[in-house]
Amino acid sequence: MPPPCRRLRIAPPSAPWRRRCDAPGDRYRSTPRFASNPPESPMFSRRRKILPASAYLVAAAWLALAAQPAAAADRAGCRDFEGMMRFQNASIALCDSRNFAEYTLPTGRITGFDFRTNTAEIEDKQELEGRLTQLLYTIPKGASSAEVFRSYKEYLASAGYRVLYEAKGPGFGAAQGSFFESMGPGGQIVAYSPDQSRYLAAVKEDGGAKTSIALYIVEYDGGYNPDLTVEKGQVVVRLDAVQSGELKNGMVAVSAADIAKRLDSAGQVILSGILFDFNKAQLKPDSRTALDEIAAFLKKDSARKVYLVGHTDNVGGFDFNMQLSQARADAVVADLVATYGINPARLKGHGAGLLAPIASNANEDGRAKNRRVELIPQ
């Protein structure tokens, strides 16, 4: 007699068959698993095409289909952290991002929390600063925090992350929920469910760039947040990522205060986070956090006048890139005026095209560094 029906999961690589029931009362039938299932982290669905081998095409197509319902349920304006996978059928319920922020990464037990000062007592920690992305995922009922945690841990290892610390349940400390409630999306949803919690701190270094991850997973037991509804026992994932140092495009995340310091010390600032579609001059929505910082700087120093200078790589020729860089610089100026009320007399856009490279255009890494927007005092 076969065991009762259970939620269907992708079979592990060692299993040639899997069982499933189509509806209550149906008899079991055996069906072959996908021959091309990748061996690592089968519970994840990828947000980007990253399976280059032709042997994985069937699995890649299945995973892409599995991700579509989750994408449809994502909160408007939220998206996965660059290069990160999500658990299968997960949805982004809440998110937050800042172009530059300070962040405390727990690498030890959280033993206490002072609600008056909003600070935690942590046995060991790292004080970080850089570009901060915070995401809150909800997982459909049926998965456990242990299952979700194991899949994330396996994926992070395969992606080159090094674990700094991990803990589970009460072993992470009595004030773990208060810490995550106080800083980032979720609030009480992550505050009162420590019994089946899982936590991991990890880091990945790539040249001059460093990405630090705080992964906190709970099985919801109590708490209220007006922005979302979670069922008791449902798994909730909080993922915080801090990028510091030199990013892949050669730019460094900056705050309003940083802009002022660098203009005074270096005479120019390369602005990260100003993004455009390929060969277009329309600002992408993801540029908003960077524009917020530029506007905050200009409002604080109300007498400052600046040039916004657009630069390109050498793909497309001289005339095209001169026109494109000018159009992009003008787009930044127009947004600062229309959205933040900056006096247009204080701003002037200029397109330098391909005339001022800071790296070789002979390879993609160099071309990525050359595609940039700079702020220069008038």
Protein backbone atom coordinates (compact mmCIF):
# COMPACT_ATOMS: atom_id res chain seq x y z
CA MET A 1 0.00 0.00 0.00
CA PRO A 2 1.57 3.33 -1.00
CA PRO A 3 1.87 6.12 1.54
CA PRO A 4 -0.69 9.00 1.57
CA CYS A 5 -0.41 11.73 -1.08
CA ARG A 6 2.13 14.44 -0.34
CA ARG A 7 2.93 17.75 -2.05
CA LEU A 8 4.83 17.05 -5.25
CA ARG A 9 8.53 17.98 -5.22
CA ILE A 10 11.14 17.60 -7.90
CA ALA A 11 12.80 14.23 -7.38
CA PRO A 12 16.41 14.28 -6.16
CA PRO A 13 19.08 13.38 -8.72
CA SER A 14 19.40 9.86 -7.31
CA ALA A 15 15.70 9.02 -7.81
CA PRO A 16 14.73 7.83 -11.31
CA TRP A 17 10.98 8.17 -10.66
CA ARG A 18 8.59 10.22 -8.60
CA ARG A 19 5.02 9.58 -7.42
CA ARG A 20 2.10 11.94 -7.54
CA CYS A 21 -1.69 12.06 -7.03
CA ASP A 22 -3.72 14.26 -9.36
CA ALA A 23 -6.66 14.65 -7.01
CA PRO A 24 -7.94 13.28 -3.71
CA GLY A 25 -8.83 9.61 -4.17
CA ASP A 26 -6.71 9.13 -7.30
CA ARG A 27 -4.42 6.14 -7.34
CA TYR A 28 -0.70 6.63 -7.53
CA ARG A 29 1.06 6.54 -10.84
CA SER A 30 4.76 6.76 -11.47
CA THR A 31 6.09 9.42 -13.82
CA PRO A 32 9.72 9.99 -14.88
CA ARG A 33 11.41 13.09 -13.51
CA PHE A 34 13.03 15.56 -15.87
CA ALA A 35 16.26 14.01 -17.07
CA SER A 36 17.91 17.42 -17.05
CA ASN A 37 17.08 18.51 -13.48
CA PRO A 38 20.15 20.39 -12.20
CA PRO A 39 21.66 18.65 -9.17
CA GLU A 40 21.85 21.70 -6.96
CA SER A 41 19.01 23.45 -5.08
CA PRO A 42 16.11 21.94 -7.05
CA MET A 43 13.58 23.84 -4.94
CA PHE A 44 14.51 27.19 -6.45
CA SER A 45 13.13 28.90 -9.53
CA ARG A 46 15.56 31.18 -11.34
CA ARG A 47 14.76 34.75 -12.28
CA ARG A 48 17.48 34.87 -14.94
CA LYS A 49 18.64 32.49 -17.63
CA ILE A 50 21.77 30.94 -16.13
CA LEU A 51 21.77 27.36 -17.44
CA PRO A 52 24.09 27.52 -20.45
CA ALA A 53 24.36 23.78 -21.15
CA SER A 54 21.89 22.46 -23.70
CA ALA A 55 21.26 19.46 -21.45
CA TYR A 56 19.51 21.81 -19.00
CA LEU A 57 17.10 23.43 -21.45
CA VAL A 58 14.08 21.34 -20.42
CA ALA A 59 14.65 22.07 -16.74
CA ALA A 60 15.23 25.75 -17.47
CA ALA A 61 11.93 25.99 -19.30
CA TRP A 62 10.07 24.27 -16.46
CA LEU A 63 11.65 26.54 -13.88
CA ALA A 64 10.75 29.63 -15.90
CA LEU A 65 7.12 28.52 -15.98
CA ALA A 66 7.20 27.85 -12.26
CA ALA A 67 8.40 31.39 -11.63
CA GLN A 68 5.58 33.12 -13.53
CA PRO A 69 2.89 32.92 -10.81
CA ALA A 70 5.35 34.27 -8.24
CA ALA A 71 6.28 37.20 -10.47
CA ALA A 72 2.62 38.06 -10.96
CA ALA A 73 2.11 38.17 -7.18
CA ASP A 74 5.18 40.31 -6.43
CA ARG A 75 4.52 43.70 -4.88
CA ALA A 76 4.78 46.50 -7.43
CA GLY A 77 8.30 47.93 -7.68
CA CYS A 78 9.96 44.92 -6.01
CA ARG A 79 12.35 42.51 -7.69
CA ASP A 80 14.90 39.88 -6.71
CA PHE A 81 18.37 40.90 -5.60
CA GLU A 82 20.76 40.82 -8.55
CA GLY A 83 21.92 37.25 -9.22
CA MET A 84 19.91 35.74 -6.34
CA MET A 85 17.41 32.89 -6.70
CA ARG A 86 14.10 32.58 -4.91
CA PHE A 87 12.38 29.53 -3.45
CA GLN A 88 9.92 27.96 -5.85
CA ASN A 89 6.54 29.78 -6.04
CA ALA A 90 7.67 32.43 -3.55
CA SER A 91 6.33 35.97 -3.86
CA ILE A 92 7.91 39.26 -2.82
CA ALA A 93 5.47 40.72 -0.29
CA LEU A 94 7.49 43.79 0.76
CA CYS A 95 10.79 45.41 -0.16
CA ASP A 96 13.03 48.35 0.59
CA SER A 97 16.28 49.63 -0.91
CA ARG A 98 18.68 52.46 -0.28
CA ASN A 99 21.58 53.59 -2.39
CA PHE A 100 23.72 54.05 0.70
CA ALA A 101 23.02 52.90 4.26
CA GLU A 102 24.66 51.65 7.43
CA TYR A 103 23.82 48.08 8.39
CA THR A 104 24.61 45.82 11.35
CA LEU A 105 25.19 42.21 10.25
CA PRO A 106 24.76 39.76 13.16
CA THR A 107 27.48 37.10 13.24
CA GLY A 108 26.57 35.92 16.74
CA ARG A 109 23.58 35.54 19.06
CA ILE A 110 21.20 38.47 19.54
CA THR A 111 20.81 38.50 23.30
CA GLY A 112 18.91 41.72 24.01
CA PHE A 113 17.17 44.72 22.50
CA ASP A 114 16.73 48.27 23.84
CA PHE A 115 13.46 49.67 22.48
CA ARG A 116 14.30 53.17 23.72
CA THR A 117 17.40 53.44 21.53
CA ASN A 118 16.35 50.84 18.94
CA THR A 119 19.64 48.99 19.33
CA ALA A 120 20.38 45.31 19.83
CA GLU A 121 22.88 43.50 22.02
CA ILE A 122 24.75 41.11 19.72
CA GLU A 123 27.57 38.80 20.74
CA ASP A 124 29.41 39.31 17.46
CA LYS A 125 28.61 41.54 14.48
CA GLN A 126 29.95 43.41 11.48
CA GLU A 127 29.20 47.09 10.88
CA LEU A 128 28.69 47.59 7.14
CA GLU A 129 27.83 50.43 4.80
CA GLY A 130 26.91 50.42 1.15
CA ARG A 131 23.94 49.79 -1.13
CA LEU A 132 21.20 48.02 0.87
CA THR A 133 18.47 45.79 -0.56
CA GLN A 134 15.86 44.23 1.76
CA LEU A 135 13.23 41.75 0.58
CA LEU A 136 10.43 39.90 2.35
CA TYR A 137 9.22 36.73 0.61
CA THR A 138 6.19 34.62 1.46
CA ILE A 139 6.29 30.89 0.66
CA PRO A 140 3.10 28.89 -0.10
CA LYS A 141 2.04 26.66 2.79
CA GLY A 142 3.53 23.18 2.81
CA ALA A 143 7.21 24.03 3.02
CA SER A 144 9.09 24.19 6.32
CA SER A 145 11.66 26.74 7.42
CA ALA A 146 14.27 23.96 7.54
CA GLU A 147 13.56 22.98 3.93
CA VAL A 148 13.71 26.55 2.65
CA PHE A 149 16.86 27.27 4.65
CA ARG A 150 18.64 24.19 3.32
CA SER A 151 17.89 25.17 -0.29
CA TYR A 152 19.14 28.73 0.25
CA LYS A 153 22.28 27.51 2.00
CA GLU A 154 23.11 25.11 -0.84
CA TYR A 155 22.54 27.80 -3.43
CA LEU A 156 24.66 30.41 -1.64
CA ALA A 157 27.55 27.94 -1.41
CA SER A 158 27.30 27.16 -5.13
CA ALA A 159 27.25 30.91 -5.91
CA GLY A 160 30.53 31.51 -4.07
CA TYR A 161 29.25 32.82 -0.73
CA ARG A 162 31.13 31.96 2.47
CA VAL A 163 29.10 31.35 5.61
CA LEU A 164 30.11 33.57 8.53
CA TYR A 165 27.54 32.35 11.05
CA GLU A 166 24.36 30.30 11.23
CA ALA A 167 21.86 29.51 13.95
CA LYS A 168 18.37 28.14 14.44
CA GLY A 169 15.48 28.61 16.83
CA PRO A 170 16.16 29.98 20.31
CA GLY A 171 19.86 29.37 19.72
CA PHE A 172 19.95 32.61 17.73
CA GLY A 173 19.06 34.57 20.85
CA ALA A 174 16.00 35.87 22.65
CA ALA A 175 15.89 39.22 20.80
CA GLN A 176 16.25 37.96 17.22
CA GLY A 177 12.70 38.92 16.21
CA SER A 178 12.95 42.40 17.72
CA PHE A 179 16.14 43.05 15.76
CA PHE A 180 14.61 42.22 12.37
CA GLU A 181 11.33 43.92 13.23
CA SER A 182 13.18 47.17 13.94
CA MET A 183 15.09 47.50 10.67
CA GLY A 184 13.46 46.55 7.40
CA PRO A 185 10.28 45.18 5.85
CA GLY A 186 7.99 42.79 7.69
CA GLY A 187 7.63 44.37 11.11
CA GLN A 188 5.75 42.10 13.52
CA ILE A 189 5.47 39.38 10.86
CA VAL A 190 9.09 38.42 11.60
CA ALA A 191 9.07 39.46 15.27
CA TYR A 192 7.16 36.75 17.12
CA SER A 193 8.12 33.45 15.49
CA PRO A 194 11.54 32.37 16.81
CA ASP A 195 10.84 28.69 17.56
CA GLN A 196 11.41 27.38 14.01
CA SER A 197 13.59 30.24 12.81
CA ARG A 198 16.76 29.81 10.77
CA TYR A 199 19.48 32.44 10.27
CA LEU A 200 22.59 32.67 8.12
CA ALA A 201 25.15 35.41 7.54
CA ALA A 202 27.35 35.04 4.46
CA VAL A 203 29.74 37.07 2.35
CA LYS A 204 31.01 36.96 -1.23
CA GLU A 205 34.03 38.92 -2.42
CA ASP A 206 34.67 39.57 -6.10
CA GLY A 207 37.68 41.76 -6.75
CA GLY A 208 37.01 45.07 -5.06
CA ALA A 209 33.30 44.32 -4.52
CA LYS A 210 31.82 42.64 -1.47
CA THR A 211 28.26 41.41 -0.96
CA SER A 212 27.09 40.55 2.55
CA ILE A 213 23.88 38.58 3.12
CA ALA A 214 21.62 38.26 6.17
CA LEU A 215 19.03 35.49 5.67
CA TYR A 216 16.30 35.15 8.32
CA ILE A 217 13.56 32.54 7.86
CA VAL A 218 10.58 31.94 10.17
CA GLU A 219 7.38 29.90 10.28
CA TYR A 220 4.81 32.60 11.04
CA ASP A 221 3.24 32.24 14.47
CA GLY A 222 1.92 35.71 15.31
CA GLY A 223 2.11 39.45 14.70
CA TYR A 224 0.31 41.98 12.52
CA ASN A 225 1.26 43.97 9.46
CA PRO A 226 -1.43 45.95 7.60
CA ASP A 227 0.41 45.52 4.30
CA LEU A 228 0.14 41.72 4.06
CA THR A 229 -1.67 38.67 5.34
CA VAL A 230 0.19 35.52 6.37
CA GLU A 231 -1.28 32.22 7.59
CA LYS A 232 -0.10 30.53 10.75
CA GLY A 233 2.75 28.15 9.93
CA GLN A 234 3.52 29.80 6.58
CA VAL A 235 7.21 30.36 5.87
CA VAL A 236 8.42 33.94 5.55
CA VAL A 237 11.91 34.79 4.27
CA ARG A 238 13.70 38.05 5.00
CA LEU A 239 16.75 38.60 2.78
CA ASP A 240 19.03 41.61 3.37
CA ALA A 241 21.96 42.27 1.01
CA VAL A 242 24.64 44.93 1.39
CA GLN A 243 26.93 45.73 -1.53
CA SER A 244 30.08 47.62 -0.67
CA GLY A 245 33.33 48.53 -2.37
CA GLU A 246 33.66 48.76 -6.15
CA LEU A 247 30.62 47.42 -7.95
CA LYS A 248 30.76 45.52 -11.24
CA ASN A 249 30.42 48.66 -13.33
CA GLY A 250 33.25 50.36 -11.45
CA MET A 251 30.95 52.73 -9.57
CA VAL A 252 30.58 53.12 -5.83
CA ALA A 253 27.31 53.60 -4.02
CA VAL A 254 27.14 57.14 -2.64
CA SER A 255 24.97 59.06 -0.21
CA ALA A 256 24.14 62.76 -0.23
CA ALA A 257 26.89 63.33 2.34
CA ASP A 258 29.34 61.31 0.24
CA ILE A 259 28.59 63.40 -2.84
CA ALA A 260 29.50 66.58 -0.98
CA LYS A 261 32.75 65.10 0.36
CA ARG A 262 33.87 63.75 -3.01
CA LEU A 263 33.10 66.95 -4.88
CA ASP A 264 35.28 68.85 -2.43
CA SER A 265 38.09 66.28 -2.37
CA ALA A 266 38.11 64.87 -5.93
CA GLY A 267 36.23 67.47 -7.96
CA GLN A 268 33.81 64.92 -9.43
CA VAL A 269 31.58 62.01 -8.44
CA ILE A 270 30.74 58.96 -10.53
CA LEU A 271 27.10 58.30 -9.70
CA SER A 272 26.00 54.69 -9.30
CA GLY A 273 22.41 53.68 -9.81
CA ILE A 274 21.56 55.97 -12.75
CA LEU A 275 20.20 53.38 -15.16
CA PHE A 276 18.89 53.46 -18.72
CA ASP A 277 17.60 50.85 -21.14
CA PHE A 278 20.04 49.85 -23.87
CA ASN A 279 20.55 52.66 -26.41
CA LYS A 280 17.77 54.75 -24.81
CA ALA A 281 17.64 57.94 -22.77
CA GLN A 282 14.63 57.13 -20.59
CA LEU A 283 15.50 56.68 -16.91
CA LYS A 284 14.66 53.25 -15.49
CA PRO A 285 12.57 53.09 -12.28
CA ASP A 286 15.54 51.56 -10.44
CA SER A 287 17.31 54.93 -10.74
CA ARG A 288 15.03 56.47 -8.13
CA THR A 289 17.18 55.76 -5.05
CA ALA A 290 20.22 57.35 -6.69
CA LEU A 291 18.19 60.37 -7.79
CA ASP A 292 16.88 60.71 -4.22
CA GLU A 293 20.46 61.06 -2.96
CA ILE A 294 21.43 63.59 -5.64
CA ALA A 295 18.35 65.68 -4.85
CA ALA A 296 19.02 65.50 -1.11
CA PHE A 297 22.56 66.78 -1.71
CA LEU A 298 21.33 69.65 -3.90
CA LYS A 299 18.64 70.66 -1.40
CA LYS A 300 21.08 70.67 1.50
CA ASP A 301 23.61 72.77 -0.41
CA SER A 302 21.14 75.16 -2.03
CA ALA A 303 23.81 77.42 -3.56
CA ARG A 304 25.65 74.62 -5.38
CA LYS A 305 25.53 74.53 -9.18
CA VAL A 306 26.58 71.36 -10.99
CA TYR A 307 27.12 69.76 -14.36
CA LEU A 308 25.61 66.34 -15.01
CA VAL A 309 27.84 64.69 -17.58
CA GLY A 310 26.84 61.58 -19.52
CA HIS A 311 29.49 59.15 -20.81
CA THR A 312 29.24 56.10 -23.10
CA ASP A 313 31.40 53.29 -24.42
CA ASN A 314 32.53 53.27 -28.06
CA VAL A 315 29.87 50.90 -29.40
CA GLY A 316 27.76 52.61 -32.05
CA GLY A 317 30.13 55.27 -33.28
CA PHE A 318 30.97 58.87 -32.44
CA ASP A 319 27.85 60.79 -33.51
CA PHE A 320 25.38 58.33 -32.00
CA ASN A 321 27.14 58.24 -28.62
CA MET A 322 27.47 62.01 -28.44
CA GLN A 323 23.73 62.37 -29.00
CA LEU A 324 22.87 59.55 -26.59
CA SER A 325 25.05 60.88 -23.77
CA GLN A 326 23.57 64.37 -24.14
CA ALA A 327 20.02 62.98 -24.09
CA ARG A 328 20.75 60.96 -20.96
CA ALA A 329 22.32 63.91 -19.15
CA ASP A 330 19.29 66.03 -20.07
CA ALA A 331 16.96 63.29 -18.77
CA VAL A 332 18.63 63.39 -15.35
CA VAL A 333 18.37 67.20 -15.25
CA ALA A 334 14.70 67.09 -16.25
CA ASP A 335 13.87 64.55 -13.54
CA LEU A 336 15.63 66.54 -10.80
CA VAL A 337 13.66 69.62 -11.82
CA ALA A 338 10.25 67.95 -12.26
CA THR A 339 10.34 65.48 -9.38
CA TYR A 340 12.28 67.36 -6.70
CA GLY A 341 11.77 71.01 -7.63
CA ILE A 342 15.47 71.78 -8.13
CA ASN A 343 15.99 75.16 -9.81
CA PRO A 344 16.98 74.43 -13.44
CA ALA A 345 19.44 77.35 -13.34
CA ARG A 346 21.59 75.25 -10.98
CA LEU A 347 21.88 72.29 -13.39
CA LYS A 348 23.42 71.81 -16.80
CA GLY A 349 23.52 68.54 -18.71
CA HIS A 350 26.40 67.74 -21.02
CA GLY A 351 27.13 64.72 -23.19
CA ALA A 352 30.78 63.69 -23.42
CA GLY A 353 30.01 60.56 -25.41
CA LEU A 354 33.01 58.28 -25.81
CA LEU A 355 35.63 61.03 -25.39
CA ALA A 356 36.55 60.48 -21.73
CA PRO A 357 36.91 56.73 -21.04
CA ILE A 358 38.14 55.61 -17.63
CA ALA A 359 38.86 52.04 -18.81
CA SER A 360 39.61 50.15 -22.02
CA ASN A 361 36.73 49.69 -24.47
CA ALA A 362 38.32 46.46 -25.71
CA ASN A 363 36.35 44.30 -23.27
CA GLU A 364 32.91 44.34 -21.65
CA ASP A 365 34.20 45.11 -18.14
CA GLY A 366 35.90 48.25 -19.43
CA ARG A 367 32.92 49.31 -21.51
CA ALA A 368 30.64 48.90 -18.47
CA LYS A 369 32.86 51.26 -16.46
CA ASN A 370 32.78 53.83 -19.26
CA ARG A 371 28.96 53.93 -19.34
CA ARG A 372 28.38 56.35 -16.47
CA VAL A 373 27.00 59.68 -15.28
CA GLU A 374 29.24 62.10 -13.40
CA LEU A 375 28.49 65.10 -11.18
CA ILE A 376 30.94 68.01 -11.52
CA PRO A 377 30.76 71.45 -9.82
CA GLN A 378 30.21 74.43 -12.09
